[in-house]
PDB file of N, CA and C in Angstrom:
ATOM      1  N   UNK A   1      72.323 146.647  94.091  1.00  0.00           N
ATOM      2  CA  UNK A   1      72.763 145.331  93.313  1.00  0.00           C
ATOM      3  C   UNK A   1      72.041 145.487  91.924  1.00  0.00           C
ATOM      4  N   UNK A   2      72.911 145.068  90.463  1.00  0.00           N
ATOM      5  CA  UNK A   2      72.357 145.273  89.038  1.00  0.00           C
ATOM      6  C   UNK A   2      71.082 144.322  89.364  1.00  0.00           C
ATOM      7  N   UNK A   3      69.986 144.576  88.517  1.00  0.00           N
ATOM      8  CA  UNK A   3      69.040 143.567  88.317  1.00  0.00           C
ATOM      9  C   UNK A   3      69.346 142.112  87.858  1.00  0.00           C
ATOM     10  N   UNK A   4      70.325 142.140  86.679  1.00  0.00           N
ATOM     11  CA  UNK A   4      70.639 140.735  86.390  1.00  0.00           C
ATOM     12  C   UNK A   4      71.217 139.979  87.565  1.00  0.00           C
ATOM     13  N   UNK A   5      72.103 140.772  88.589  1.00  0.00           N
ATOM     14  CA  UNK A   5      72.654 139.753  89.456  1.00  0.00           C
ATOM     15  C   UNK A   5      71.735 139.414  90.512  1.00  0.00           C
ATOM     16  N   UNK A   6      70.485 139.944  90.757  1.00  0.00           N
ATOM     17  CA  UNK A   6      69.415 139.499  91.467  1.00  0.00           C
ATOM     18  C   UNK A   6      68.848 138.368  91.052  1.00  0.00           C
ATOM     19  N   UNK A   7      68.491 138.415  89.648  1.00  0.00           N
ATOM     20  CA  UNK A   7      67.860 137.228  89.061  1.00  0.00           C
ATOM     21  C   UNK A   7      68.623 135.980  89.212  1.00  0.00           C
ATOM     22  N   UNK A   8      70.337 136.043  88.992  1.00  0.00           N
ATOM     23  CA  UNK A   8      71.072 135.173  88.816  1.00  0.00           C
ATOM     24  C   UNK A   8      70.929 134.544  90.700  1.00  0.00           C
ATOM     25  N   UNK A   9      71.098 135.530  91.356  1.00  0.00           N
ATOM     26  CA  UNK A   9      71.311 135.087  92.743  1.00  0.00           C
ATOM     27  C   UNK A   9      69.659 134.484  93.035  1.00  0.00           C
ATOM     28  N   UNK A  10      68.690 134.724  92.800  1.00  0.00           N
ATOM     29  CA  UNK A  10      67.368 134.066  93.108  1.00  0.00           C
ATOM     30  C   UNK A  10      67.276 132.815  92.534  1.00  0.00           C
ATOM     31  N   UNK A  11      67.996 132.523  91.224  1.00  0.00           N
ATOM     32  CA  UNK A  11      67.886 131.337  90.468  1.00  0.00           C
ATOM     33  C   UNK A  11      68.757 130.541  90.933  1.00  0.00           C
ATOM     34  N   UNK A  12      70.013 131.009  91.637  1.00  0.00           N
ATOM     35  CA  UNK A  12      71.095 130.298  92.479  1.00  0.00           C
ATOM     36  C   UNK A  12      70.249 129.556  93.591  1.00  0.00           C
ATOM     37  N   UNK A  13      69.669 130.266  94.298  1.00  0.00           N
ATOM     38  CA  UNK A  13      69.021 130.275  95.595  1.00  0.00           C
ATOM     39  C   UNK A  13      68.034 129.050  95.387  1.00  0.00           C
ATOM     40  N   UNK A  14      67.165 128.945  94.262  1.00  0.00           N
ATOM     41  CA  UNK A  14      66.049 128.016  93.908  1.00  0.00           C
ATOM     42  C   UNK A  14      66.684 126.685  93.940  1.00  0.00           C
ATOM     43  N   UNK A  15      67.917 126.803  93.165  1.00  0.00           N
ATOM     44  CA  UNK A  15      68.574 125.694  92.637  1.00  0.00           C
ATOM     45  C   UNK A  15      69.156 125.238  93.701  1.00  0.00           C
ATOM     46  N   UNK A  16      69.868 125.774  94.759  1.00  0.00           N
ATOM     47  CA  UNK A  16      70.355 125.425  95.902  1.00  0.00           C
ATOM     48  C   UNK A  16      69.165 124.527  96.944  1.00  0.00           C
ATOM     49  N   UNK A  17      68.218 125.497  97.136  1.00  0.00           N
ATOM     50  CA  UNK A  17      67.309 124.938  98.021  1.00  0.00           C
ATOM     51  C   UNK A  17      66.732 123.610  97.390  1.00  0.00           C
ATOM     52  N   UNK A  18      66.156 123.505  96.104  1.00  0.00           N
ATOM     53  CA  UNK A  18      65.690 122.350  95.328  1.00  0.00           C
ATOM     54  C   UNK A  18      66.650 121.031  95.846  1.00  0.00           C
ATOM     55  N   UNK A  19      67.919 121.402  95.452  1.00  0.00           N
ATOM     56  CA  UNK A  19      68.684 120.309  95.758  1.00  0.00           C
ATOM     57  C   UNK A  19      69.143 119.799  97.059  1.00  0.00           C
ATOM     58  N   UNK A  20      69.103 120.761  97.680  1.00  0.00           N
ATOM     59  CA  UNK A  20      69.255 120.088  99.239  1.00  0.00           C
ATOM     60  C   UNK A  20      67.659 119.675  99.848  1.00  0.00           C
ATOM     61  N   UNK A  21      66.665 119.934  99.309  1.00  0.00           N
ATOM     62  CA  UNK A  21      65.226 119.372  99.612  1.00  0.00           C
ATOM     63  C   UNK A  21      65.386 117.849  98.970  1.00  0.00           C
ATOM     64  N   UNK A  22      65.875 117.811  98.072  1.00  0.00           N
ATOM     65  CA  UNK A  22      65.868 116.361  97.335  1.00  0.00           C
ATOM     66  C   UNK A  22      66.511 115.467  98.450  1.00  0.00           C
ATOM     67  N   UNK A  23      68.049 116.041  99.007  1.00  0.00           N
ATOM     68  CA  UNK A  23      68.441 115.104 100.062  1.00  0.00           C
ATOM     69  C   UNK A  23      67.545 114.969 101.192  1.00  0.00           C
ATOM     70  N   UNK A  24      66.854 115.815 101.646  1.00  0.00           N
ATOM     71  CA  UNK A  24      65.966 116.085 102.731  1.00  0.00           C
ATOM     72  C   UNK A  24      64.973 115.214 102.609  1.00  0.00           C
ATOM     73  N   UNK A  25      64.434 115.157 101.461  1.00  0.00           N
ATOM     74  CA  UNK A  25      63.004 114.112 101.075  1.00  0.00           C
ATOM     75  C   UNK A  25      63.675 112.864 101.009  1.00  0.00           C
ATOM     76  N   UNK A  26      64.798 112.637 100.676  1.00  0.00           N
ATOM     77  CA  UNK A  26      65.454 111.063 100.714  1.00  0.00           C
ATOM     78  C   UNK A  26      65.865 110.618 102.096  1.00  0.00           C
ATOM     79  N   UNK A  27      66.607 111.576 102.914  1.00  0.00           N
ATOM     80  CA  UNK A  27      66.752 110.908 104.258  1.00  0.00           C
ATOM     81  C   UNK A  27      65.793 111.177 105.303  1.00  0.00           C
ATOM     82  N   UNK A  28      65.069 112.156 105.170  1.00  0.00           N
ATOM     83  CA  UNK A  28      64.206 112.538 106.644  1.00  0.00           C
ATOM     84  C   UNK A  28      62.615 112.102 106.204  1.00  0.00           C
ATOM     85  N   UNK A  29      62.028 112.109 104.632  1.00  0.00           N
ATOM     86  CA  UNK A  29      60.947 111.935 104.582  1.00  0.00           C
ATOM     87  C   UNK A  29      60.880 110.358 104.165  1.00  0.00           C
ATOM     88  N   UNK A  30      61.730 109.821 103.641  1.00  0.00           N
ATOM     89  CA  UNK A  30      61.779 108.439 103.310  1.00  0.00           C
ATOM     90  C   UNK A  30      61.533 108.486 101.686  1.00  0.00           C
ATOM     91  N   UNK A  31      61.813 109.360 101.025  1.00  0.00           N
ATOM     92  CA  UNK A  31      61.375 109.371  99.443  1.00  0.00           C
ATOM     93  C   UNK A  31      62.439 108.527  98.742  1.00  0.00           C
ATOM     94  N   UNK A  32      62.160 107.929  97.538  1.00  0.00           N
ATOM     95  CA  UNK A  32      63.088 107.265  96.943  1.00  0.00           C
ATOM     96  C   UNK A  32      64.475 107.736  96.574  1.00  0.00           C
ATOM     97  N   UNK A  33      65.537 107.118  96.495  1.00  0.00           N
ATOM     98  CA  UNK A  33      66.840 107.611  96.305  1.00  0.00           C
ATOM     99  C   UNK A  33      66.947 108.173  94.814  1.00  0.00           C
ATOM    100  N   UNK A  34      65.738 107.891  94.035  1.00  0.00           N
ATOM    101  CA  UNK A  34      65.809 108.590  92.600  1.00  0.00           C
ATOM    102  C   UNK A  34      65.873 109.945  92.669  1.00  0.00           C
ATOM    103  N   UNK A  35      65.303 110.507  94.041  1.00  0.00           N
ATOM    104  CA  UNK A  35      65.293 112.130  94.214  1.00  0.00           C
ATOM    105  C   UNK A  35      66.524 112.630  94.040  1.00  0.00           C
ATOM    106  N   UNK A  36      67.843 112.032  94.386  1.00  0.00           N
ATOM    107  CA  UNK A  36      69.062 112.270  94.474  1.00  0.00           C
ATOM    108  C   UNK A  36      69.518 112.929  92.979  1.00  0.00           C
ATOM    109  N   UNK A  37      69.024 112.235  91.847  1.00  0.00           N
ATOM    110  CA  UNK A  37      69.530 112.512  90.686  1.00  0.00           C
ATOM    111  C   UNK A  37      69.148 114.102  90.199  1.00  0.00           C
ATOM    112  N   UNK A  38      68.019 114.343  90.442  1.00  0.00           N
ATOM    113  CA  UNK A  38      67.637 116.099  90.248  1.00  0.00           C
ATOM    114  C   UNK A  38      68.240 116.850  91.478  1.00  0.00           C
ATOM    115  N   UNK A  39      68.279 116.250  92.322  1.00  0.00           N
ATOM    116  CA  UNK A  39      69.083 116.964  93.324  1.00  0.00           C
ATOM    117  C   UNK A  39      70.357 117.497  93.299  1.00  0.00           C
ATOM    118  N   UNK A  40      71.158 116.396  93.111  1.00  0.00           N
ATOM    119  CA  UNK A  40      72.639 116.490  92.717  1.00  0.00           C
ATOM    120  C   UNK A  40      72.668 117.482  91.026  1.00  0.00           C
ATOM    121  N   UNK A  41      71.811 117.445  90.129  1.00  0.00           N
ATOM    122  CA  UNK A  41      71.841 118.416  88.973  1.00  0.00           C
ATOM    123  C   UNK A  41      71.493 119.728  89.305  1.00  0.00           C
ATOM    124  N   UNK A  42      70.354 119.976  90.335  1.00  0.00           N
ATOM    125  CA  UNK A  42      70.317 121.347  90.819  1.00  0.00           C
ATOM    126  C   UNK A  42      71.064 121.923  91.441  1.00  0.00           C
ATOM    127  N   UNK A  43      72.218 121.250  92.369  1.00  0.00           N
ATOM    128  CA  UNK A  43      73.195 121.492  93.237  1.00  0.00           C
ATOM    129  C   UNK A  43      74.277 122.000  92.095  1.00  0.00           C
ATOM    130  N   UNK A  44      74.412 121.160  91.046  1.00  0.00           N
ATOM    131  CA  UNK A  44      75.446 121.762  89.994  1.00  0.00           C
ATOM    132  C   UNK A  44      74.916 123.021  89.326  1.00  0.00           C
ATOM    133  N   UNK A  45      73.595 123.256  89.240  1.00  0.00           N
ATOM    134  CA  UNK A  45      73.298 124.437  88.409  1.00  0.00           C
ATOM    135  C   UNK A  45      73.228 125.539  89.452  1.00  0.00           C
ATOM    136  N   UNK A  46      73.261 125.274  90.520  1.00  0.00           N
ATOM    137  CA  UNK A  46      73.504 126.384  91.655  1.00  0.00           C
ATOM    138  C   UNK A  46      74.880 126.774  91.560  1.00  0.00           C
ATOM    139  N   UNK A  47      75.749 125.923  91.762  1.00  0.00           N
ATOM    140  CA  UNK A  47      77.290 126.057  91.551  1.00  0.00           C
ATOM    141  C   UNK A  47      77.185 127.080  90.251  1.00  0.00           C
ATOM    142  N   UNK A  48      76.993 126.625  89.292  1.00  0.00           N
ATOM    143  CA  UNK A  48      77.281 127.340  87.978  1.00  0.00           C
ATOM    144  C   UNK A  48      76.424 128.873  88.186  1.00  0.00           C
ATOM    145  N   UNK A  49      75.363 129.119  88.546  1.00  0.00           N
ATOM    146  CA  UNK A  49      74.662 130.301  88.624  1.00  0.00           C
ATOM    147  C   UNK A  49      75.500 131.381  89.288  1.00  0.00           C
ATOM    148  N   UNK A  50      76.277 130.817  90.446  1.00  0.00           N
ATOM    149  CA  UNK A  50      77.145 131.924  91.089  1.00  0.00           C
ATOM    150  C   UNK A  50      78.216 132.292  90.376  1.00  0.00           C
ATOM    151  N   UNK A  51      78.644 131.240  89.224  1.00  0.00           N
ATOM    152  CA  UNK A  51      79.841 132.019  88.741  1.00  0.00           C
ATOM    153  C   UNK A  51      79.399 132.894  87.802  1.00  0.00           C
ATOM    154  N   UNK A  52      78.141 133.200  87.356  1.00  0.00           N
ATOM    155  CA  UNK A  52      77.567 134.404  86.326  1.00  0.00           C
ATOM    156  C   UNK A  52      77.505 135.868  87.045  1.00  0.00           C
ATOM    157  N   UNK A  53      77.441 135.656  88.384  1.00  0.00           N
ATOM    158  CA  UNK A  53      77.419 136.952  89.007  1.00  0.00           C
ATOM    159  C   UNK A  53      78.591 137.884  88.914  1.00  0.00           C
ATOM    160  N   UNK A  54      78.388 139.065  88.638  1.00  0.00           N
ATOM    161  CA  UNK A  54      79.488 140.069  88.156  1.00  0.00           C
ATOM    162  C   UNK A  54      79.970 140.784  89.451  1.00  0.00           C
ATOM    163  N   UNK A  55      80.946 139.750  90.043  1.00  0.00           N
ATOM    164  CA  UNK A  55      81.957 140.272  91.187  1.00  0.00           C
ATOM    165  C   UNK A  55      82.967 140.060  90.905  1.00  0.00           C
ATOM    166  N   UNK A  56      84.119 141.014  91.963  1.00  0.00           N
ATOM    167  CA  UNK A  56      85.202 140.737  91.520  1.00  0.00           C
ATOM    168  C   UNK A  56      86.118 139.781  92.476  1.00  0.00           C
ATOM    169  N   UNK A  57      85.453 139.454  93.593  1.00  0.00           N
ATOM    170  CA  UNK A  57      85.712 138.332  94.356  1.00  0.00           C
ATOM    171  C   UNK A  57      84.593 137.232  94.666  1.00  0.00           C
ATOM    172  N   UNK A  58      85.014 136.052  94.662  1.00  0.00           N
ATOM    173  CA  UNK A  58      84.348 134.774  94.826  1.00  0.00           C
ATOM    174  C   UNK A  58      83.604 134.908  96.172  1.00  0.00           C
ATOM    175  N   UNK A  59      84.520 135.041  97.078  1.00  0.00           N
ATOM    176  CA  UNK A  59      83.872 135.300  98.415  1.00  0.00           C
ATOM    177  C   UNK A  59      82.855 136.368  98.842  1.00  0.00           C
ATOM    178  N   UNK A  60      82.991 137.569  98.063  1.00  0.00           N
ATOM    179  CA  UNK A  60      82.222 138.752  98.184  1.00  0.00           C
ATOM    180  C   UNK A  60      80.936 138.190  97.571  1.00  0.00           C
ATOM    181  N   UNK A  61      80.746 137.777  96.484  1.00  0.00           N
ATOM    182  CA  UNK A  61      79.624 137.237  95.767  1.00  0.00           C
ATOM    183  C   UNK A  61      78.908 136.020  96.703  1.00  0.00           C
ATOM    184  N   UNK A  62      79.504 135.204  97.362  1.00  0.00           N
ATOM    185  CA  UNK A  62      78.998 134.024  98.017  1.00  0.00           C
ATOM    186  C   UNK A  62      78.480 135.048  99.409  1.00  0.00           C
ATOM    187  N   UNK A  63      79.196 135.722  99.759  1.00  0.00           N
ATOM    188  CA  UNK A  63      78.522 136.197 101.190  1.00  0.00           C
ATOM    189  C   UNK A  63      77.389 137.119 100.913  1.00  0.00           C
ATOM    190  N   UNK A  64      77.321 137.763  99.825  1.00  0.00           N
ATOM    191  CA  UNK A  64      75.996 138.865  99.492  1.00  0.00           C
ATOM    192  C   UNK A  64      74.880 137.716  98.830  1.00  0.00           C
ATOM    193  N   UNK A  65      75.481 136.346  98.607  1.00  0.00           N
ATOM    194  CA  UNK A  65      74.122 135.557  98.136  1.00  0.00           C
ATOM    195  C   UNK A  65      73.519 135.011  99.625  1.00  0.00           C
ATOM    196  N   UNK A  66      74.253 135.208 100.604  1.00  0.00           N
ATOM    197  CA  UNK A  66      73.678 134.292 101.504  1.00  0.00           C
ATOM    198  C   UNK A  66      72.348 134.997 102.158  1.00  0.00           C
ATOM    199  N   UNK A  67      72.324 136.420 101.817  1.00  0.00           N
ATOM    200  CA  UNK A  67      71.278 137.225 102.444  1.00  0.00           C
ATOM    201  C   UNK A  67      70.112 136.624 101.489  1.00  0.00           C
ATOM    202  N   UNK A  68      70.150 136.600 100.102  1.00  0.00           N
ATOM    203  CA  UNK A  68      69.323 136.025  99.399  1.00  0.00           C
ATOM    204  C   UNK A  68      68.701 134.820  99.404  1.00  0.00           C
ATOM    205  N   UNK A  69      69.536 133.985  99.873  1.00  0.00           N
ATOM    206  CA  UNK A  69      69.455 132.492 100.070  1.00  0.00           C
ATOM    207  C   UNK A  69      68.337 132.350 101.343  1.00  0.00           C
ATOM    208  N   UNK A  70      68.845 133.148 102.276  1.00  0.00           N
ATOM    209  CA  UNK A  70      67.997 133.072 103.453  1.00  0.00           C
ATOM    210  C   UNK A  70      66.402 133.793 103.337  1.00  0.00           C
ATOM    211  N   UNK A  71      66.416 134.785 102.633  1.00  0.00           N
ATOM    212  CA  UNK A  71      65.043 134.968 102.104  1.00  0.00           C
ATOM    213  C   UNK A  71      64.218 134.316 101.280  1.00  0.00           C
ATOM    214  N   UNK A  72      65.013 133.520 100.294  1.00  0.00           N
ATOM    215  CA  UNK A  72      64.272 132.531  99.377  1.00  0.00           C
ATOM    216  C   UNK A  72      63.955 131.149 100.189  1.00  0.00           C
ATOM    217  N   UNK A  73      64.948 130.825 101.158  1.00  0.00           N
ATOM    218  CA  UNK A  73      64.458 129.792 101.868  1.00  0.00           C
ATOM    219  C   UNK A  73      63.057 129.849 102.797  1.00  0.00           C
ATOM    220  N   UNK A  74      63.009 131.107 103.319  1.00  0.00           N
ATOM    221  CA  UNK A  74      61.725 131.591 104.076  1.00  0.00           C
ATOM    222  C   UNK A  74      60.494 131.547 103.288  1.00  0.00           C
ATOM    223  N   UNK A  75      60.653 131.910 101.992  1.00  0.00           N
ATOM    224  CA  UNK A  75      59.510 131.641 100.605  1.00  0.00           C
ATOM    225  C   UNK A  75      59.589 130.440 100.537  1.00  0.00           C
ATOM    226  N   UNK A  76      60.561 129.315 100.227  1.00  0.00           N
ATOM    227  CA  UNK A  76      60.298 128.195 100.296  1.00  0.00           C
ATOM    228  C   UNK A  76      59.384 127.697 101.324  1.00  0.00           C
ATOM    229  N   UNK A  77      59.867 127.724 102.738  1.00  0.00           N
ATOM    230  CA  UNK A  77      59.071 127.075 103.719  1.00  0.00           C
ATOM    231  C   UNK A  77      57.623 127.694 103.739  1.00  0.00           C
ATOM    232  N   UNK A  78      57.307 128.724 103.342  1.00  0.00           N
ATOM    233  CA  UNK A  78      55.959 129.092 103.042  1.00  0.00           C
ATOM    234  C   UNK A  78      55.061 128.494 101.895  1.00  0.00           C
ATOM    235  N   UNK A  79      55.665 128.693 100.778  1.00  0.00           N
ATOM    236  CA  UNK A  79      55.241 128.200  99.386  1.00  0.00           C
ATOM    237  C   UNK A  79      55.283 126.660  99.070  1.00  0.00           C
ATOM    238  N   UNK A  80      56.211 125.935  99.357  1.00  0.00           N
ATOM    239  CA  UNK A  80      56.391 124.662  99.324  1.00  0.00           C
ATOM    240  C   UNK A  80      56.103 123.637 100.521  1.00  0.00           C
ATOM    241  N   UNK A  81      56.523 124.127 101.650  1.00  0.00           N
ATOM    242  CA  UNK A  81      56.423 123.410 102.812  1.00  0.00           C
ATOM    243  C   UNK A  81      54.789 123.795 103.612  1.00  0.00           C
ATOM    244  N   UNK A  82      54.025 124.938 103.122  1.00  0.00           N
ATOM    245  CA  UNK A  82      53.172 125.352 103.736  1.00  0.00           C
ATOM    246  C   UNK A  82      53.072 125.971 105.204  1.00  0.00           C
ATOM    247  N   UNK A  83      54.231 126.133 105.525  1.00  0.00           N
ATOM    248  CA  UNK A  83      54.511 126.840 106.691  1.00  0.00           C
ATOM    249  C   UNK A  83      54.739 128.462 106.732  1.00  0.00           C
ATOM    250  N   UNK A  84      53.859 129.081 107.151  1.00  0.00           N
ATOM    251  CA  UNK A  84      53.863 130.704 107.058  1.00  0.00           C
ATOM    252  C   UNK A  84      54.996 131.300 108.037  1.00  0.00           C
ATOM    253  N   UNK A  85      56.212 132.026 107.376  1.00  0.00           N
ATOM    254  CA  UNK A  85      57.269 132.439 108.161  1.00  0.00           C
ATOM    255  C   UNK A  85      56.647 133.338 109.380  1.00  0.00           C
ATOM    256  N   UNK A  86      57.067 133.440 110.538  1.00  0.00           N
ATOM    257  CA  UNK A  86      56.775 133.886 111.596  1.00  0.00           C
ATOM    258  C   UNK A  86      57.608 135.683 111.595  1.00  0.00           C
ATOM    259  N   UNK A  87      57.055 136.341 112.590  1.00  0.00           N
ATOM    260  CA  UNK A  87      57.707 137.653 112.565  1.00  0.00           C
ATOM    261  C   UNK A  87      58.849 137.722 112.745  1.00  0.00           C
ATOM    262  N   UNK A  88      59.574 136.665 113.611  1.00  0.00           N
ATOM    263  CA  UNK A  88      60.957 136.570 113.641  1.00  0.00           C
ATOM    264  C   UNK A  88      61.818 136.097 112.293  1.00  0.00           C
ATOM    265  N   UNK A  89      61.124 135.312 111.453  1.00  0.00           N
ATOM    266  CA  UNK A  89      61.664 134.847 110.298  1.00  0.00           C
ATOM    267  C   UNK A  89      62.003 135.977 109.393  1.00  0.00           C
ATOM    268  N   UNK A  90      60.638 136.677 109.396  1.00  0.00           N
ATOM    269  CA  UNK A  90      60.571 138.050 108.491  1.00  0.00           C
ATOM    270  C   UNK A  90      61.678 138.997 108.826  1.00  0.00           C
ATOM    271  N   UNK A  91      61.594 139.297 110.159  1.00  0.00           N
ATOM    272  CA  UNK A  91      62.787 140.136 110.780  1.00  0.00           C
ATOM    273  C   UNK A  91      64.336 139.662 110.698  1.00  0.00           C
ATOM    274  N   UNK A  92      64.619 138.466 110.738  1.00  0.00           N
ATOM    275  CA  UNK A  92      65.616 138.020 110.746  1.00  0.00           C
ATOM    276  C   UNK A  92      66.340 138.072 108.969  1.00  0.00           C
ATOM    277  N   UNK A  93      65.167 137.511 108.052  1.00  0.00           N
ATOM    278  CA  UNK A  93      65.497 137.693 106.597  1.00  0.00           C
ATOM    279  C   UNK A  93      65.585 139.009 106.176  1.00  0.00           C
ATOM    280  N   UNK A  94      64.974 140.060 106.780  1.00  0.00           N
ATOM    281  CA  UNK A  94      64.988 141.322 106.471  1.00  0.00           C
ATOM    282  C   UNK A  94      66.698 141.792 106.795  1.00  0.00           C
ATOM    283  N   UNK A  95      67.206 141.534 107.840  1.00  0.00           N
ATOM    284  CA  UNK A  95      68.346 141.673 108.288  1.00  0.00           C
ATOM    285  C   UNK A  95      69.437 141.071 107.521  1.00  0.00           C
ATOM    286  N   UNK A  96      69.161 140.194 107.086  1.00  0.00           N
ATOM    287  CA  UNK A  96      70.181 139.363 106.306  1.00  0.00           C
ATOM    288  C   UNK A  96      70.177 140.070 104.824  1.00  0.00           C
ATOM    289  N   UNK A  97      68.679 140.356 104.191  1.00  0.00           N
ATOM    290  CA  UNK A  97      69.099 141.333 103.104  1.00  0.00           C
ATOM    291  C   UNK A  97      69.623 142.402 103.188  1.00  0.00           C
ATOM    292  N   UNK A  98      69.277 143.298 104.409  1.00  0.00           N
ATOM    293  CA  UNK A  98      70.135 144.445 104.272  1.00  0.00           C
ATOM    294  C   UNK A  98      71.606 144.183 104.407  1.00  0.00           C
ATOM    295  N   UNK A  99      72.087 143.043 104.996  1.00  0.00           N
ATOM    296  CA  UNK A  99      73.674 142.718 105.120  1.00  0.00           C
ATOM    297  C   UNK A  99      74.027 142.722 103.667  1.00  0.00           C
ATOM    298  N   UNK A 100      73.504 141.966 102.841  1.00  0.00           N
ATOM    299  CA  UNK A 100      73.436 141.455 101.359  1.00  0.00           C
ATOM    300  C   UNK A 100      73.854 142.678 100.577  1.00  0.00           C
ATOM    301  N   UNK A 101      72.695 143.775 100.981  1.00  0.00           N
ATOM    302  CA  UNK A 101      73.094 144.707 100.262  1.00  0.00           C
ATOM    303  C   UNK A 101      74.194 145.918 100.466  1.00  0.00           C
ATOM    304  N   UNK A 102      74.634 145.792 101.666  1.00  0.00           N
ATOM    305  CA  UNK A 102      75.589 146.627 102.405  1.00  0.00           C
ATOM    306  C   UNK A 102      77.129 145.771 101.754  1.00  0.00           C
ATOM    307  N   UNK A 103      77.226 144.596 101.479  1.00  0.00           N
ATOM    308  CA  UNK A 103      78.334 143.922 101.007  1.00  0.00           C
ATOM    309  C   UNK A 103      78.257 144.208  99.620  1.00  0.00           C
ATOM    310  N   UNK A 104      77.161 144.137  98.762  1.00  0.00           N
ATOM    311  CA  UNK A 104      77.200 144.384  97.076  1.00  0.00           C
ATOM    312  C   UNK A 104      77.227 145.877  97.029  1.00  0.00           C
ATOM    313  N   UNK A 105      76.472 146.547  97.615  1.00  0.00           N
ATOM    314  CA  UNK A 105      76.661 147.976  97.248  1.00  0.00           C
ATOM    315  C   UNK A 105      77.503 149.286  97.818  1.00  0.00           C
ATOM    316  N   UNK A 106      78.441 148.574  98.996  1.00  0.00           N
ATOM    317  CA  UNK A 106      79.184 149.383  99.592  1.00  0.00           C
ATOM    318  C   UNK A 106      80.439 149.975  98.810  1.00  0.00           C
ATOM    319  N   UNK A 107      80.675 151.019  99.075  1.00  0.00           N
ATOM    320  CA  UNK A 107      81.710 151.762  98.196  1.00  0.00           C
ATOM    321  C   UNK A 107      83.076 151.039  98.455  1.00  0.00           C
ATOM    322  N   UNK A 108      83.711 150.512  97.708  1.00  0.00           N
ATOM    323  CA  UNK A 108      85.058 149.734  97.605  1.00  0.00           C
ATOM    324  C   UNK A 108      86.386 150.730  96.968  1.00  0.00           C
ATOM    325  N   UNK A 109      87.264 150.378  98.011  1.00  0.00           N
ATOM    326  CA  UNK A 109      88.677 151.266  97.882  1.00  0.00           C
ATOM    327  C   UNK A 109      89.222 150.600  96.722  1.00  0.00           C
ATOM    328  N   UNK A 110      89.841 151.210  95.815  1.00  0.00           N
ATOM    329  CA  UNK A 110      90.323 150.422  94.544  1.00  0.00           C
ATOM    330  C   UNK A 110      92.011 150.379  94.826  1.00  0.00           C
TER     331      UNK A 110
END
């Protein structure tokens, strides 16, 4: 995966997680509905970032993104929510990251 694509995927994941967390905070944690304003903006940024990935097919870009998203979600769990990922979280994240690499770097028939 080219470095710029990795940066874009990480930015997209952070935007998606932050946007979804804003809804979680509103509905599950009782935070103000004003959290939805940056949440919606963050979700729009997420969608925009994914359009910047250099991929021939949107579905392939989204599928590969899934592995990055899962790992970033575990980092969010640890850093933002204060819950350390356990060995099963880490193993699952590694498997998903490997899958993303296969999708992105696998040879393609032209």
